[in-house]
Amino acid sequence: MSAGRFPRTVLFDLDGTLLDSAPDMLATVNRMRERRSRPPMRLEELRPHVSKGARAMSAAAFPDADLAERQDMIPEFLAIYREELGRHGGPFEDVEALLQALEDDGAVWGVVTNKPEYLASEVLRALDWQFRCKVLVGGDSLAERKPHPLPLLHAAHALEAEPGACVYVGDDERDIEAARAAGMPSVVALWGYRLGDDLPQDWGGDVLVDRPGELLDPARWPARGA
């Protein structure tokens, strides 16, 4: 195992893992619903769908719309979300402390998300993370996106790290599937966004963690290669 208390390279999902973006997403869909003379949606109704992406959130906000209608809503969703980005949500509790602990230990960290790269970049700038985050891979950065392993493998290569020496932290089954396919140890972020029938204990993650603050204990991280 490499020197240092924490893994030398950590990759994170963004929404539902580092960032509690559900309030920004709620403001987005409620502006869309207001345009259509519909009452506002409640946070608890939308929250489980956030990690599934814009299409899933649009479907939750407009369950009576057909597939073509929801598809047509995606550009509107992304445009409004860009205006609401960072205005309502923020990092989960202890995320800042965790990132600082990794940096103080000499580790590097990056983000691999299915969010479009231009939006993810804006999030990083809004949080003043743009220089701290050493690699960013968005859902449209490459030919494949999670659950395909390519984004994780690309990020590891960019950081000159072997995949098995990295750890990926994510709150969605696609995150853990991608990590497993990449040969990368994984942490299931149970504090994130899940549907009621999701069974994270069955995803095949190496470690399940209830809160970001638990990862301040180096012993909570999965074993990784040299």
C-alpha atoms as a PDB file:
ATOM      1  CA  MET A   1       0.000   0.000   0.000  1.00  0.00           C
ATOM      2  CA  SER A   2       1.253   3.467  -0.822  1.00  0.00           C
ATOM      3  CA  ALA A   3       2.480   5.791   1.903  1.00  0.00           C
ATOM      4  CA  GLY A   4      -0.088   8.103   3.426  1.00  0.00           C
ATOM      5  CA  ARG A   5      -3.124   7.631   5.590  1.00  0.00           C
ATOM      6  CA  PHE A   6      -5.627   7.864   2.732  1.00  0.00           C
ATOM      7  CA  PRO A   7      -5.656   6.477  -0.818  1.00  0.00           C
ATOM      8  CA  ARG A   8      -3.275   8.397  -3.063  1.00  0.00           C
ATOM      9  CA  THR A   9      -5.948   8.987  -5.728  1.00  0.00           C
ATOM     10  CA  VAL A  10      -9.669   9.374  -5.057  1.00  0.00           C
ATOM     11  CA  LEU A  11     -12.330   9.922  -7.706  1.00  0.00           C
ATOM     12  CA  PHE A  12     -15.803  11.115  -6.784  1.00  0.00           C
ATOM     13  CA  ASP A  13     -19.190  11.252  -8.381  1.00  0.00           C
ATOM     14  CA  LEU A  14     -20.621  14.769  -8.084  1.00  0.00           C
ATOM     15  CA  ASP A  15     -24.391  14.973  -7.513  1.00  0.00           C
ATOM     16  CA  GLY A  16     -25.418  12.951  -4.476  1.00  0.00           C
ATOM     17  CA  THR A  17     -21.823  12.296  -3.462  1.00  0.00           C
ATOM     18  CA  LEU A  18     -19.928  15.564  -3.066  1.00  0.00           C
ATOM     19  CA  LEU A  19     -22.790  17.909  -3.813  1.00  0.00           C
ATOM     20  CA  ASP A  20     -26.326  18.083  -2.455  1.00  0.00           C
ATOM     21  CA  SER A  21     -27.717  19.517  -5.670  1.00  0.00           C
ATOM     22  CA  ALA A  22     -31.324  18.420  -5.101  1.00  0.00           C
ATOM     23  CA  PRO A  23     -32.445  21.935  -4.026  1.00  0.00           C
ATOM     24  CA  ASP A  24     -31.075  23.395  -7.282  1.00  0.00           C
ATOM     25  CA  MET A  25     -32.823  20.661  -9.248  1.00  0.00           C
ATOM     26  CA  LEU A  26     -36.065  21.327  -7.398  1.00  0.00           C
ATOM     27  CA  ALA A  27     -35.917  25.019  -8.281  1.00  0.00           C
ATOM     28  CA  THR A  28     -35.357  23.973 -11.899  1.00  0.00           C
ATOM     29  CA  VAL A  29     -38.313  21.619 -12.239  1.00  0.00           C
ATOM     30  CA  ASN A  30     -40.580  23.972 -10.339  1.00  0.00           C
ATOM     31  CA  ARG A  31     -39.846  26.768 -12.805  1.00  0.00           C
ATOM     32  CA  MET A  32     -40.754  24.329 -15.562  1.00  0.00           C
ATOM     33  CA  ARG A  33     -43.937  23.336 -13.759  1.00  0.00           C
ATOM     34  CA  GLU A  34     -44.878  26.968 -13.165  1.00  0.00           C
ATOM     35  CA  ARG A  35     -44.594  27.637 -16.889  1.00  0.00           C
ATOM     36  CA  ARG A  36     -47.139  24.877 -17.386  1.00  0.00           C
ATOM     37  CA  SER A  37     -49.476  26.119 -14.620  1.00  0.00           C
ATOM     38  CA  ARG A  38     -48.700  23.214 -12.330  1.00  0.00           C
ATOM     39  CA  PRO A  39     -48.184  23.377  -8.557  1.00  0.00           C
ATOM     40  CA  PRO A  40     -44.658  23.111  -7.186  1.00  0.00           C
ATOM     41  CA  MET A  41     -43.100  19.739  -6.555  1.00  0.00           C
ATOM     42  CA  ARG A  42     -41.795  18.884  -3.084  1.00  0.00           C
ATOM     43  CA  LEU A  43     -38.121  18.163  -2.441  1.00  0.00           C
ATOM     44  CA  GLU A  44     -38.813  14.715  -1.045  1.00  0.00           C
ATOM     45  CA  GLU A  45     -40.601  13.794  -4.284  1.00  0.00           C
ATOM     46  CA  LEU A  46     -37.703  14.773  -6.520  1.00  0.00           C
ATOM     47  CA  ARG A  47     -34.709  13.916  -4.352  1.00  0.00           C
ATOM     48  CA  PRO A  48     -34.575  10.137  -5.065  1.00  0.00           C
ATOM     49  CA  HIS A  49     -34.340  10.808  -8.816  1.00  0.00           C
ATOM     50  CA  VAL A  50     -31.486  13.343  -8.838  1.00  0.00           C
ATOM     51  CA  SER A  51     -28.619  10.905  -9.415  1.00  0.00           C
ATOM     52  CA  LYS A  52     -30.505   9.387 -12.358  1.00  0.00           C
ATOM     53  CA  GLY A  53     -30.108  12.573 -14.432  1.00  0.00           C
ATOM     54  CA  ALA A  54     -32.218  15.168 -16.243  1.00  0.00           C
ATOM     55  CA  ARG A  55     -34.394  12.638 -18.042  1.00  0.00           C
ATOM     56  CA  ALA A  56     -35.345  10.865 -14.830  1.00  0.00           C
ATOM     57  CA  MET A  57     -36.059  14.134 -13.054  1.00  0.00           C
ATOM     58  CA  SER A  58     -38.190  15.359 -15.951  1.00  0.00           C
ATOM     59  CA  ALA A  59     -40.124  12.091 -15.847  1.00  0.00           C
ATOM     60  CA  ALA A  60     -40.677  12.492 -12.106  1.00  0.00           C
ATOM     61  CA  ALA A  61     -41.795  16.098 -12.536  1.00  0.00           C
ATOM     62  CA  PHE A  62     -44.080  15.333 -15.503  1.00  0.00           C
ATOM     63  CA  PRO A  63     -45.198  11.705 -15.131  1.00  0.00           C
ATOM     64  CA  ASP A  64     -48.089  12.212 -17.575  1.00  0.00           C
ATOM     65  CA  ALA A  65     -45.788  13.366 -20.398  1.00  0.00           C
ATOM     66  CA  ASP A  66     -44.806  10.793 -22.987  1.00  0.00           C
ATOM     67  CA  LEU A  67     -41.220   9.923 -23.807  1.00  0.00           C
ATOM     68  CA  ALA A  68     -40.974  12.341 -26.736  1.00  0.00           C
ATOM     69  CA  GLU A  69     -42.332  15.230 -24.659  1.00  0.00           C
ATOM     70  CA  ARG A  70     -39.881  14.538 -21.851  1.00  0.00           C
ATOM     71  CA  GLN A  71     -37.031  14.319 -24.328  1.00  0.00           C
ATOM     72  CA  ASP A  72     -37.995  17.733 -25.690  1.00  0.00           C
ATOM     73  CA  MET A  73     -37.832  19.118 -22.144  1.00  0.00           C
ATOM     74  CA  ILE A  74     -34.139  18.307 -21.649  1.00  0.00           C
ATOM     75  CA  PRO A  75     -32.703  21.488 -23.261  1.00  0.00           C
ATOM     76  CA  GLU A  76     -35.131  23.585 -21.212  1.00  0.00           C
ATOM     77  CA  PHE A  77     -34.172  21.695 -18.051  1.00  0.00           C
ATOM     78  CA  LEU A  78     -30.450  22.214 -18.630  1.00  0.00           C
ATOM     79  CA  ALA A  79     -30.858  25.908 -19.462  1.00  0.00           C
ATOM     80  CA  ILE A  80     -32.866  26.625 -16.315  1.00  0.00           C
ATOM     81  CA  TYR A  81     -30.611  24.479 -14.158  1.00  0.00           C
ATOM     82  CA  ARG A  82     -27.626  26.489 -15.336  1.00  0.00           C
ATOM     83  CA  GLU A  83     -29.339  29.609 -13.920  1.00  0.00           C
ATOM     84  CA  GLU A  84     -30.195  27.891 -10.619  1.00  0.00           C
ATOM     85  CA  LEU A  85     -26.874  26.095 -10.235  1.00  0.00           C
ATOM     86  CA  GLY A  86     -25.289  26.742  -6.852  1.00  0.00           C
ATOM     87  CA  ARG A  87     -28.069  29.025  -5.623  1.00  0.00           C
ATOM     88  CA  HIS A  88     -29.798  26.560  -3.306  1.00  0.00           C
ATOM     89  CA  GLY A  89     -27.631  23.488  -2.711  1.00  0.00           C
ATOM     90  CA  GLY A  90     -24.055  22.958  -1.580  1.00  0.00           C
ATOM     91  CA  PRO A  91     -21.574  20.321  -0.445  1.00  0.00           C
ATOM     92  CA  PHE A  92     -22.843  17.652   1.908  1.00  0.00           C
ATOM     93  CA  GLU A  93     -21.824  18.007   5.541  1.00  0.00           C
ATOM     94  CA  ASP A  94     -18.140  17.166   6.124  1.00  0.00           C
ATOM     95  CA  VAL A  95     -17.312  17.024   2.400  1.00  0.00           C
ATOM     96  CA  GLU A  96     -15.092  20.094   2.655  1.00  0.00           C
ATOM     97  CA  ALA A  97     -13.311  18.591   5.653  1.00  0.00           C
ATOM     98  CA  LEU A  98     -12.847  15.330   3.761  1.00  0.00           C
ATOM     99  CA  LEU A  99     -11.364  16.996   0.689  1.00  0.00           C
ATOM    100  CA  GLN A 100      -9.038  19.035   2.885  1.00  0.00           C
ATOM    101  CA  ALA A 101      -7.930  15.912   4.753  1.00  0.00           C
ATOM    102  CA  LEU A 102      -7.098  14.183   1.476  1.00  0.00           C
ATOM    103  CA  GLU A 103      -5.098  17.183   0.266  1.00  0.00           C
ATOM    104  CA  ASP A 104      -3.283  17.558   3.588  1.00  0.00           C
ATOM    105  CA  ASP A 105      -2.285  13.896   3.310  1.00  0.00           C
ATOM    106  CA  GLY A 106      -0.799  14.481  -0.141  1.00  0.00           C
ATOM    107  CA  ALA A 107      -3.576  12.672  -2.025  1.00  0.00           C
ATOM    108  CA  VAL A 108      -5.138  13.957  -5.227  1.00  0.00           C
ATOM    109  CA  TRP A 109      -8.831  13.852  -6.080  1.00  0.00           C
ATOM    110  CA  GLY A 110     -10.987  14.302  -9.130  1.00  0.00           C
ATOM    111  CA  VAL A 111     -14.572  14.094 -10.328  1.00  0.00           C
ATOM    112  CA  VAL A 112     -16.158  11.620 -12.732  1.00  0.00           C
ATOM    113  CA  THR A 113     -19.812  12.471 -13.311  1.00  0.00           C
ATOM    114  CA  ASN A 114     -22.521  11.889 -15.892  1.00  0.00           C
ATOM    115  CA  LYS A 115     -23.433  15.575 -15.685  1.00  0.00           C
ATOM    116  CA  PRO A 116     -22.463  17.479 -18.866  1.00  0.00           C
ATOM    117  CA  GLU A 117     -18.892  18.683 -18.496  1.00  0.00           C
ATOM    118  CA  TYR A 118     -19.720  22.386 -18.957  1.00  0.00           C
ATOM    119  CA  LEU A 119     -22.201  22.239 -16.054  1.00  0.00           C
ATOM    120  CA  ALA A 120     -19.820  20.254 -13.867  1.00  0.00           C
ATOM    121  CA  SER A 121     -17.124  22.846 -14.571  1.00  0.00           C
ATOM    122  CA  GLU A 122     -19.474  25.615 -13.474  1.00  0.00           C
ATOM    123  CA  VAL A 123     -20.222  23.724 -10.267  1.00  0.00           C
ATOM    124  CA  LEU A 124     -16.521  23.413  -9.496  1.00  0.00           C
ATOM    125  CA  ARG A 125     -15.994  27.127 -10.100  1.00  0.00           C
ATOM    126  CA  ALA A 126     -18.984  28.034  -7.923  1.00  0.00           C
ATOM    127  CA  LEU A 127     -17.516  25.971  -5.076  1.00  0.00           C
ATOM    128  CA  ASP A 128     -13.973  27.267  -5.708  1.00  0.00           C
ATOM    129  CA  TRP A 129     -12.879  23.694  -6.377  1.00  0.00           C
ATOM    130  CA  GLN A 130     -11.691  24.217  -9.952  1.00  0.00           C
ATOM    131  CA  PHE A 131      -7.997  24.143  -9.028  1.00  0.00           C
ATOM    132  CA  ARG A 132      -8.285  21.596  -6.233  1.00  0.00           C
ATOM    133  CA  CYS A 133      -9.984  19.023  -8.473  1.00  0.00           C
ATOM    134  CA  LYS A 134      -7.162  17.507 -10.547  1.00  0.00           C
ATOM    135  CA  VAL A 135      -9.302  15.856 -13.217  1.00  0.00           C
ATOM    136  CA  LEU A 136     -12.877  16.303 -14.374  1.00  0.00           C
ATOM    137  CA  VAL A 137     -14.682  13.855 -16.654  1.00  0.00           C
ATOM    138  CA  GLY A 138     -18.266  14.680 -17.581  1.00  0.00           C
ATOM    139  CA  GLY A 139     -20.964  12.579 -19.119  1.00  0.00           C
ATOM    140  CA  ASP A 140     -20.243  14.048 -22.549  1.00  0.00           C
ATOM    141  CA  SER A 141     -16.437  14.185 -22.271  1.00  0.00           C
ATOM    142  CA  LEU A 142     -15.863  10.791 -23.880  1.00  0.00           C
ATOM    143  CA  ALA A 143     -17.577   8.333 -26.193  1.00  0.00           C
ATOM    144  CA  GLU A 144     -18.916   6.420 -23.176  1.00  0.00           C
ATOM    145  CA  ARG A 145     -20.339   7.373 -19.798  1.00  0.00           C
ATOM    146  CA  LYS A 146     -20.955   5.471 -16.566  1.00  0.00           C
ATOM    147  CA  PRO A 147     -21.724   2.604 -16.075  1.00  0.00           C
ATOM    148  CA  HIS A 148     -19.078   2.057 -18.758  1.00  0.00           C
ATOM    149  CA  PRO A 149     -15.606   1.983 -17.148  1.00  0.00           C
ATOM    150  CA  LEU A 150     -14.000   4.302 -19.736  1.00  0.00           C
ATOM    151  CA  PRO A 151     -14.543   7.565 -17.756  1.00  0.00           C
ATOM    152  CA  LEU A 152     -12.887   6.092 -14.658  1.00  0.00           C
ATOM    153  CA  LEU A 153     -10.035   4.594 -16.642  1.00  0.00           C
ATOM    154  CA  HIS A 154      -9.521   7.908 -18.451  1.00  0.00           C
ATOM    155  CA  ALA A 155      -9.428   9.825 -15.157  1.00  0.00           C
ATOM    156  CA  ALA A 156      -6.943   7.396 -13.624  1.00  0.00           C
ATOM    157  CA  HIS A 157      -4.712   7.648 -16.697  1.00  0.00           C
ATOM    158  CA  ALA A 158      -4.871  11.462 -16.580  1.00  0.00           C
ATOM    159  CA  LEU A 159      -3.645  11.330 -12.979  1.00  0.00           C
ATOM    160  CA  GLU A 160      -0.932   8.769 -13.863  1.00  0.00           C
ATOM    161  CA  ALA A 161      -2.476   6.266 -11.442  1.00  0.00           C
ATOM    162  CA  GLU A 162      -3.225   2.583 -11.842  1.00  0.00           C
ATOM    163  CA  PRO A 163      -6.993   1.963 -11.582  1.00  0.00           C
ATOM    164  CA  GLY A 164      -6.504  -0.527  -8.761  1.00  0.00           C
ATOM    165  CA  ALA A 165      -4.629   2.100  -6.753  1.00  0.00           C
ATOM    166  CA  CYS A 166      -7.534   4.558  -6.980  1.00  0.00           C
ATOM    167  CA  VAL A 167     -10.823   4.563  -5.088  1.00  0.00           C
ATOM    168  CA  TYR A 168     -14.123   5.699  -6.578  1.00  0.00           C
ATOM    169  CA  VAL A 169     -16.881   7.112  -4.360  1.00  0.00           C
ATOM    170  CA  GLY A 170     -20.438   7.251  -5.709  1.00  0.00           C
ATOM    171  CA  ASP A 171     -24.077   7.039  -4.661  1.00  0.00           C
ATOM    172  CA  ASP A 172     -25.613   5.308  -7.690  1.00  0.00           C
ATOM    173  CA  GLU A 173     -25.475   1.714  -8.895  1.00  0.00           C
ATOM    174  CA  ARG A 174     -23.959   2.922 -12.171  1.00  0.00           C
ATOM    175  CA  ASP A 175     -21.026   4.337 -10.205  1.00  0.00           C
ATOM    176  CA  ILE A 176     -20.264   1.040  -8.538  1.00  0.00           C
ATOM    177  CA  GLU A 177     -20.763  -0.939 -11.746  1.00  0.00           C
ATOM    178  CA  ALA A 178     -18.305   1.350 -13.546  1.00  0.00           C
ATOM    179  CA  ALA A 179     -15.742   1.039 -10.752  1.00  0.00           C
ATOM    180  CA  ARG A 180     -16.004  -2.733 -10.720  1.00  0.00           C
ATOM    181  CA  ALA A 181     -15.573  -2.903 -14.503  1.00  0.00           C
ATOM    182  CA  ALA A 182     -12.527  -0.618 -14.223  1.00  0.00           C
ATOM    183  CA  GLY A 183     -10.920  -2.767 -11.531  1.00  0.00           C
ATOM    184  CA  MET A 184     -11.185   0.139  -9.092  1.00  0.00           C
ATOM    185  CA  PRO A 185     -12.116  -0.229  -5.400  1.00  0.00           C
ATOM    186  CA  SER A 186     -15.335   1.602  -4.576  1.00  0.00           C
ATOM    187  CA  VAL A 187     -17.215   3.297  -1.756  1.00  0.00           C
ATOM    188  CA  VAL A 188     -21.017   3.364  -1.808  1.00  0.00           C
ATOM    189  CA  ALA A 189     -22.136   6.793  -0.583  1.00  0.00           C
ATOM    190  CA  LEU A 190     -25.322   5.928   1.290  1.00  0.00           C
ATOM    191  CA  TRP A 191     -25.972   9.591   2.030  1.00  0.00           C
ATOM    192  CA  GLY A 192     -26.821  10.221  -1.626  1.00  0.00           C
ATOM    193  CA  TYR A 193     -29.938   9.872  -3.762  1.00  0.00           C
ATOM    194  CA  ARG A 194     -31.662   6.507  -4.135  1.00  0.00           C
ATOM    195  CA  LEU A 195     -35.039   5.221  -5.220  1.00  0.00           C
ATOM    196  CA  GLY A 196     -37.027   3.230  -2.705  1.00  0.00           C
ATOM    197  CA  ASP A 197     -36.359  -0.088  -4.417  1.00  0.00           C
ATOM    198  CA  ASP A 198     -32.594   0.434  -4.737  1.00  0.00           C
ATOM    199  CA  LEU A 199     -30.554  -2.148  -2.824  1.00  0.00           C
ATOM    200  CA  PRO A 200     -27.048  -0.691  -2.435  1.00  0.00           C
ATOM    201  CA  GLN A 201     -25.877  -3.685  -0.446  1.00  0.00           C
ATOM    202  CA  ASP A 202     -26.304  -5.719  -3.631  1.00  0.00           C
ATOM    203  CA  TRP A 203     -24.302  -3.406  -5.904  1.00  0.00           C
ATOM    204  CA  GLY A 204     -20.963  -5.040  -5.206  1.00  0.00           C
ATOM    205  CA  GLY A 205     -19.248  -2.024  -3.660  1.00  0.00           C
ATOM    206  CA  ASP A 206     -16.250  -2.636  -1.433  1.00  0.00           C
ATOM    207  CA  VAL A 207     -17.384  -0.374   1.420  1.00  0.00           C
ATOM    208  CA  LEU A 208     -20.756   1.161   2.309  1.00  0.00           C
ATOM    209  CA  VAL A 209     -20.580   4.444   4.224  1.00  0.00           C
ATOM    210  CA  ASP A 210     -23.473   6.335   5.816  1.00  0.00           C
ATOM    211  CA  ARG A 211     -21.963   9.844   5.989  1.00  0.00           C
ATOM    212  CA  PRO A 212     -19.020  11.699   4.408  1.00  0.00           C
ATOM    213  CA  GLY A 213     -17.522  12.326   7.824  1.00  0.00           C
ATOM    214  CA  GLU A 214     -16.911   8.600   8.283  1.00  0.00           C
ATOM    215  CA  LEU A 215     -14.307   8.793   5.524  1.00  0.00           C
ATOM    216  CA  LEU A 216     -12.207  11.087   7.705  1.00  0.00           C
ATOM    217  CA  ASP A 217     -11.167   7.813   9.341  1.00  0.00           C
ATOM    218  CA  PRO A 218      -8.586   6.220   7.028  1.00  0.00           C
ATOM    219  CA  ALA A 219      -9.650   2.775   8.251  1.00  0.00           C
ATOM    220  CA  ARG A 220     -13.054   3.188   6.577  1.00  0.00           C
ATOM    221  CA  TRP A 221     -11.566   3.214   3.065  1.00  0.00           C
ATOM    222  CA  PRO A 222     -11.299  -0.008   1.041  1.00  0.00           C
ATOM    223  CA  ALA A 223      -7.972  -1.705   0.507  1.00  0.00           C
ATOM    224  CA  ARG A 224      -6.273  -0.700  -2.737  1.00  0.00           C
ATOM    225  CA  GLY A 225      -3.230  -1.677  -4.711  1.00  0.00           C
ATOM    226  CA  ALA A 226       0.196  -0.134  -4.522  1.00  0.00           C
END
